[in-house]
Protein backbone atom coordinates (compact mmCIF):
# COMPACT_ATOMS: atom_id res chain seq x y z
CA MET A 1 -9.17 -22.60 5.52
CA ILE A 2 -7.69 -19.22 4.63
CA GLY A 3 -9.10 -16.48 6.84
CA ALA A 4 -8.31 -17.91 10.26
CA HIS A 5 -6.24 -14.77 10.82
CA VAL A 6 -6.60 -11.85 8.41
CA ILE A 7 -4.17 -8.95 8.35
CA VAL A 8 -5.16 -5.76 6.51
CA GLY A 9 -2.51 -3.38 5.22
CA TYR A 10 -4.21 -0.10 6.09
CA THR A 11 -3.56 3.36 4.70
CA ASN A 12 -5.91 6.29 5.19
CA ASP A 13 -6.90 6.50 1.53
CA PRO A 14 -9.56 4.87 -0.69
CA GLY A 15 -7.49 1.73 -1.30
CA GLY A 16 -6.83 1.29 2.41
CA ARG A 17 -10.49 1.70 3.25
CA ASP A 18 -11.49 -0.82 0.56
CA ALA A 19 -9.03 -3.33 2.06
CA LEU A 20 -10.33 -2.65 5.55
CA ALA A 21 -13.95 -3.29 4.55
CA LEU A 22 -13.15 -6.54 2.75
CA GLY A 23 -10.76 -7.80 5.43
CA ALA A 24 -13.42 -7.27 8.07
CA ALA A 25 -16.01 -9.04 5.89
CA ILE A 26 -13.70 -12.04 5.36
CA ALA A 27 -12.98 -12.35 9.09
CA ARG A 28 -16.70 -12.14 9.86
CA VAL A 29 -17.53 -14.95 7.42
CA THR A 30 -14.68 -17.23 8.56
CA GLY A 31 -14.88 -16.32 12.24
CA GLY A 32 -11.16 -15.56 12.14
CA GLU A 33 -8.98 -13.02 13.90
CA LEU A 34 -8.56 -9.58 12.35
CA THR A 35 -5.43 -7.43 12.57
CA ILE A 36 -5.15 -3.95 11.08
CA ALA A 37 -1.59 -2.85 10.40
CA THR A 38 0.01 0.38 9.26
CA ILE A 39 3.65 0.26 8.20
CA TYR A 40 5.94 3.27 8.59
CA PRO A 41 9.62 3.86 7.72
CA PRO A 42 12.33 3.70 10.38
CA GLY A 43 13.83 6.79 11.95
CA SER A 44 10.79 9.01 11.55
CA ALA A 45 8.98 9.94 14.74
CA GLY A 46 6.52 12.02 12.75
CA GLN A 47 5.50 9.13 10.52
CA ALA A 48 5.21 6.86 13.55
CA VAL A 49 2.70 9.30 15.02
CA GLU A 50 0.89 9.49 11.67
CA ALA A 51 0.68 5.68 11.59
CA GLN A 52 -1.03 5.71 14.98
CA ALA A 53 -3.46 8.35 13.68
CA ASN A 54 -4.19 6.16 10.65
CA LEU A 55 -5.12 3.28 12.92
CA ALA A 56 -7.41 5.57 14.90
CA HIS A 57 -9.22 6.32 11.61
CA ALA A 58 -9.41 2.58 10.90
CA ALA A 59 -10.93 1.93 14.34
CA GLU A 60 -13.58 4.56 13.63
CA GLU A 61 -14.36 2.93 10.27
CA LEU A 62 -14.69 -0.52 11.84
CA GLY A 63 -16.82 0.55 14.78
CA PRO A 64 -17.55 -2.36 17.14
CA VAL A 65 -15.81 -4.99 14.98
CA PRO A 66 -13.17 -6.74 17.17
CA ALA A 67 -9.65 -6.25 15.83
CA GLU A 68 -6.06 -5.75 16.91
CA PHE A 69 -4.31 -2.60 15.69
CA ILE A 70 -0.56 -2.61 15.06
CA THR A 71 1.96 -0.08 13.75
CA TYR A 72 5.12 -1.68 12.42
CA GLU A 73 8.45 -0.18 11.38
CA SER A 74 9.91 -1.34 8.07
CA ARG A 75 11.81 0.06 5.11
CA GLY A 76 9.06 -1.10 2.77
CA THR A 77 5.32 -1.50 3.28
CA GLY A 78 5.11 -4.81 1.44
CA ARG A 79 8.11 -6.23 3.26
CA GLY A 80 6.76 -4.99 6.59
CA LEU A 81 3.37 -6.62 6.01
CA ALA A 82 4.98 -9.91 4.96
CA VAL A 83 7.24 -10.02 8.02
CA LEU A 84 4.47 -8.97 10.39
CA ALA A 85 2.03 -11.52 8.94
CA SER A 86 4.57 -14.25 9.55
CA ARG A 87 5.22 -13.09 13.12
CA ILE A 88 1.56 -12.97 14.14
CA LYS A 89 0.75 -16.14 12.14
CA ALA A 90 -1.77 -14.47 9.85
CA ASP A 91 -2.70 -16.58 6.83
CA LEU A 92 -4.16 -13.88 4.57
CA ILE A 93 -2.85 -10.39 3.75
CA VAL A 94 -5.44 -7.98 2.30
CA VAL A 95 -4.37 -4.85 0.45
CA GLY A 96 -6.23 -2.32 -1.68
CA SER A 97 -5.53 -0.95 -5.13
CA ALA A 98 -3.02 1.80 -5.75
CA SER A 99 -4.44 5.20 -6.60
CA GLY A 100 -4.78 6.43 -10.16
CA GLY A 101 -5.97 3.18 -11.71
CA GLN A 102 -9.13 2.09 -13.51
CA ARG A 103 -12.30 2.27 -11.46
CA GLY A 104 -13.55 -1.13 -10.39
CA ARG A 105 -10.27 -2.87 -11.24
CA ILE A 106 -7.12 -3.81 -9.37
CA THR A 107 -4.12 -1.54 -9.76
CA ILE A 108 -0.87 -3.00 -8.47
CA GLY A 109 1.25 -0.55 -6.50
CA THR A 110 4.64 -1.11 -4.90
CA THR A 111 3.15 -2.78 -1.80
CA ALA A 112 1.10 -5.31 -3.76
CA ASP A 113 3.95 -5.91 -6.19
CA HIS A 114 6.29 -6.79 -3.33
CA LEU A 115 3.75 -9.14 -1.76
CA LEU A 116 3.02 -10.83 -5.08
CA HIS A 117 6.70 -11.71 -5.40
CA LEU A 118 7.68 -12.49 -1.82
CA SER A 119 4.82 -13.22 0.59
CA SER A 120 4.72 -16.59 2.33
CA GLU A 121 1.01 -16.05 3.10
CA ALA A 122 -1.93 -15.81 0.72
CA VAL A 123 -2.47 -12.32 -0.66
CA MET A 124 -5.88 -10.81 -1.47
CA LEU A 125 -6.14 -7.70 -3.63
CA VAL A 126 -9.25 -5.54 -3.70
CA PRO A 127 -10.59 -3.72 -6.77
CA ASP A 128 -10.99 0.03 -6.57
CA GLN A 129 -14.23 1.08 -4.80
CA TYR A 130 -15.23 -2.52 -4.10
CA VAL A 131 -18.07 -2.89 -1.58
CA PRO A 132 -18.23 -6.39 -0.04
CA PRO A 133 -21.68 -7.98 0.19
CA ALA A 134 -22.98 -9.55 3.37
CA GLU A 135 -22.11 -13.08 2.24
CA PRO A 136 -19.72 -14.66 -0.29
CA GLY A 137 -21.34 -15.67 -3.57
CA ARG A 138 -19.00 -18.16 -5.25
CA LEU A 139 -15.35 -19.20 -5.41
CA THR A 140 -13.78 -19.27 -8.86
CA LEU A 141 -10.36 -20.77 -9.51
CA ALA A 142 -8.44 -19.58 -12.57
CA TYR A 143 -7.36 -23.00 -13.82
CA VAL A 144 -4.45 -24.08 -15.98
CA HIS A 145 -3.44 -27.72 -16.13
CA ARG A 146 -0.24 -27.66 -14.07
CA PRO A 147 0.74 -28.99 -10.62
CA GLN A 148 0.15 -25.77 -8.64
CA CYS A 149 -3.37 -25.37 -10.06
CA ASP A 150 -4.18 -29.04 -9.61
CA ALA A 151 -3.21 -28.77 -5.94
CA ALA A 152 -5.29 -25.59 -5.62
CA VAL A 153 -8.41 -27.37 -6.92
CA GLY A 154 -8.72 -29.43 -3.77
CA GLN A 155 -7.88 -26.51 -1.50
CA VAL A 156 -10.42 -24.16 -3.06
CA ALA A 157 -13.03 -26.94 -3.16
CA GLN A 158 -12.57 -27.45 0.59
CA ALA A 159 -13.02 -23.71 1.15
CA ALA A 160 -16.18 -23.66 -0.95
CA LEU A 161 -17.53 -26.60 1.02
CA ARG A 162 -16.90 -24.88 4.35
CA LEU A 163 -18.37 -21.58 3.16
CA GLY A 164 -21.38 -23.26 1.58
CA VAL A 165 -20.87 -21.59 -1.80
CA PRO A 166 -20.56 -22.94 -5.36
CA LEU A 167 -17.19 -23.66 -6.91
CA ARG A 168 -16.31 -22.71 -10.47
CA LEU A 169 -13.21 -23.62 -12.46
CA ILE A 170 -12.47 -21.28 -15.31
CA THR A 171 -9.81 -21.47 -17.98
CA LEU A 172 -8.99 -18.95 -20.68
CA ASP A 173 -9.06 -19.64 -24.40
CA LEU A 174 -7.12 -16.82 -26.01
CA ARG A 175 -7.46 -18.51 -29.40
CA THR A 176 -3.91 -19.79 -29.29
CA GLU A 177 -4.56 -23.32 -28.00
CA ASP A 178 -6.73 -26.34 -28.78
CA GLN A 179 -10.11 -25.74 -27.11
CA GLY A 180 -10.80 -29.47 -26.98
CA ARG A 181 -7.69 -30.02 -24.90
CA LEU A 182 -8.64 -27.12 -22.61
CA ARG A 183 -12.07 -28.67 -22.02
CA ASP A 184 -10.54 -32.07 -21.36
CA ASP A 185 -8.22 -30.50 -18.77
CA LEU A 186 -11.18 -28.78 -17.12
CA ALA A 187 -13.12 -32.04 -16.99
CA LEU A 188 -10.23 -33.69 -15.16
CA ALA A 189 -10.13 -30.77 -12.69
CA VAL A 190 -13.88 -31.07 -12.08
CA ARG A 191 -13.38 -34.75 -11.36
CA LEU A 192 -10.54 -33.90 -8.96
CA ALA A 193 -12.80 -31.48 -7.05
CA TRP A 194 -15.49 -34.16 -6.80
CA GLU A 195 -13.06 -36.83 -5.61
CA THR A 196 -11.61 -34.44 -3.01
CA THR A 197 -14.79 -33.00 -1.52
CA GLY A 198 -17.89 -34.28 -3.27
CA ILE A 199 -18.48 -30.82 -4.76
CA GLU A 200 -19.76 -30.74 -8.32
CA ALA A 201 -17.83 -27.77 -9.67
CA GLU A 202 -19.00 -25.62 -12.55
CA ALA A 203 -16.56 -25.44 -15.47
CA GLU A 204 -16.24 -22.68 -18.01
CA VAL A 205 -13.95 -21.76 -20.88
CA ALA A 206 -13.70 -17.98 -21.29
CA GLU A 207 -12.92 -16.95 -24.86
CA GLY A 208 -11.40 -13.73 -26.07
CA HIS A 209 -8.56 -12.23 -28.06
CA ASP A 210 -6.86 -11.24 -24.80
CA VAL A 211 -7.30 -11.79 -21.05
CA ALA A 212 -9.43 -8.70 -20.46
CA ALA A 213 -11.82 -9.61 -23.30
CA ALA A 214 -12.12 -13.21 -22.08
CA LEU A 215 -12.96 -12.19 -18.52
CA GLU A 216 -15.40 -9.54 -19.74
CA ASP A 217 -17.36 -12.34 -21.42
CA VAL A 218 -17.83 -14.19 -18.10
CA GLU A 219 -20.63 -13.67 -15.57
CA TRP A 220 -19.47 -12.58 -12.11
CA LEU A 221 -21.80 -12.92 -9.15
CA PRO A 222 -22.05 -10.48 -6.24
CA GLY A 223 -19.65 -11.75 -3.60
CA GLU A 224 -17.53 -13.68 -6.12
CA LEU A 225 -13.91 -14.32 -5.15
CA LEU A 226 -11.31 -15.26 -7.75
CA VAL A 227 -8.38 -17.46 -6.75
CA CYS A 228 -5.06 -17.84 -8.58
CA ALA A 229 -2.33 -20.34 -7.78
CA ALA A 230 1.31 -19.33 -7.61
CA SER A 231 3.51 -19.85 -10.63
CA GLU A 232 5.62 -22.98 -10.97
CA ASP A 233 8.58 -20.59 -10.78
CA ALA A 234 7.67 -19.52 -7.24
CA GLN A 235 9.95 -20.54 -4.42
CA PRO A 236 8.40 -23.09 -2.03
CA HIS A 237 5.89 -21.45 0.31
CA ARG A 238 6.08 -18.15 -1.56
CA VAL A 239 3.72 -16.21 -3.78
CA PHE A 240 4.85 -15.49 -7.32
CA LEU A 241 2.54 -14.77 -10.25
CA GLY A 242 3.29 -15.59 -13.85
CA GLU A 243 2.58 -13.19 -16.71
CA LEU A 244 -0.84 -14.64 -17.57
CA ALA A 245 -2.05 -14.68 -13.94
CA MET A 246 -0.89 -11.09 -13.51
CA LYS A 247 -3.03 -10.08 -16.47
CA VAL A 248 -5.99 -11.95 -14.97
CA LEU A 249 -5.51 -10.09 -11.70
CA ARG A 250 -5.44 -6.69 -13.42
CA ALA A 251 -8.57 -7.48 -15.46
CA SER A 252 -10.65 -8.84 -12.58
CA ALA A 253 -13.67 -6.92 -11.31
CA CYS A 254 -13.81 -8.99 -8.11
CA PRO A 255 -11.26 -9.54 -5.32
CA VAL A 256 -8.41 -11.90 -6.18
CA THR A 257 -6.59 -14.20 -3.78
CA VAL A 258 -3.17 -15.55 -4.72
CA LEU A 259 -2.06 -18.75 -3.00
CA PRO A 260 1.59 -19.41 -2.13
CA ARG A 261 3.32 -22.36 -3.75
CA GLY A 262 2.77 -25.45 -1.64
CA PHE A 263 -0.10 -23.87 0.28
CA THR A 264 -2.05 -26.36 2.42
């Protein structure tokens, strides 16, 4: 299950602190390892010292929570996190929203953008000013009838089973497709979840004239986590989001995890 080793991309700003809080909460729930990393550019002794100071702030924020703290040199923060995650065998990279975005929503900065196009590990993005609850509330998979999503159904169902939370499969009706076909696809996905794990998943069609309106019409529980599968265009074992999933991510009021293609 994702969360056996969580790495948080930490910066001493609101987005970094949001990522730190959620990363620590995920590791607590899964019982996994927690690594806090600050990336700094090469050839700058001053920024290397600042990176160490950032991690000292992170340690103060975490208090007694057990974690490893690493500074890592790289020409790009996203690239550095991806390489470091692979080296330490982390399976989930958590990053916060970029500054200047909408409150309570995810704003994709350069770090997140790089990870969403290159990471070989799952990537979790945290909405602005998100405060994680004590326990997870539900796992929701954004479902479209295609191989990557079908594979994700079983994976997310297994995670829901281990966490002891409900599973929901949600698909969007943007009034451009046959709703009957969408519901038939969802029914097949619900059956797949049952055959894989014995979980009886909830199924919901979210309607709206665009992605933001459709998601606004859906109930989101405290502690909800939204999961998106990688695009069919992703390279094997890499994250890559299609246009629709990127819009879902930006409109979500809860944390979003993106699975790499071929994730097991």
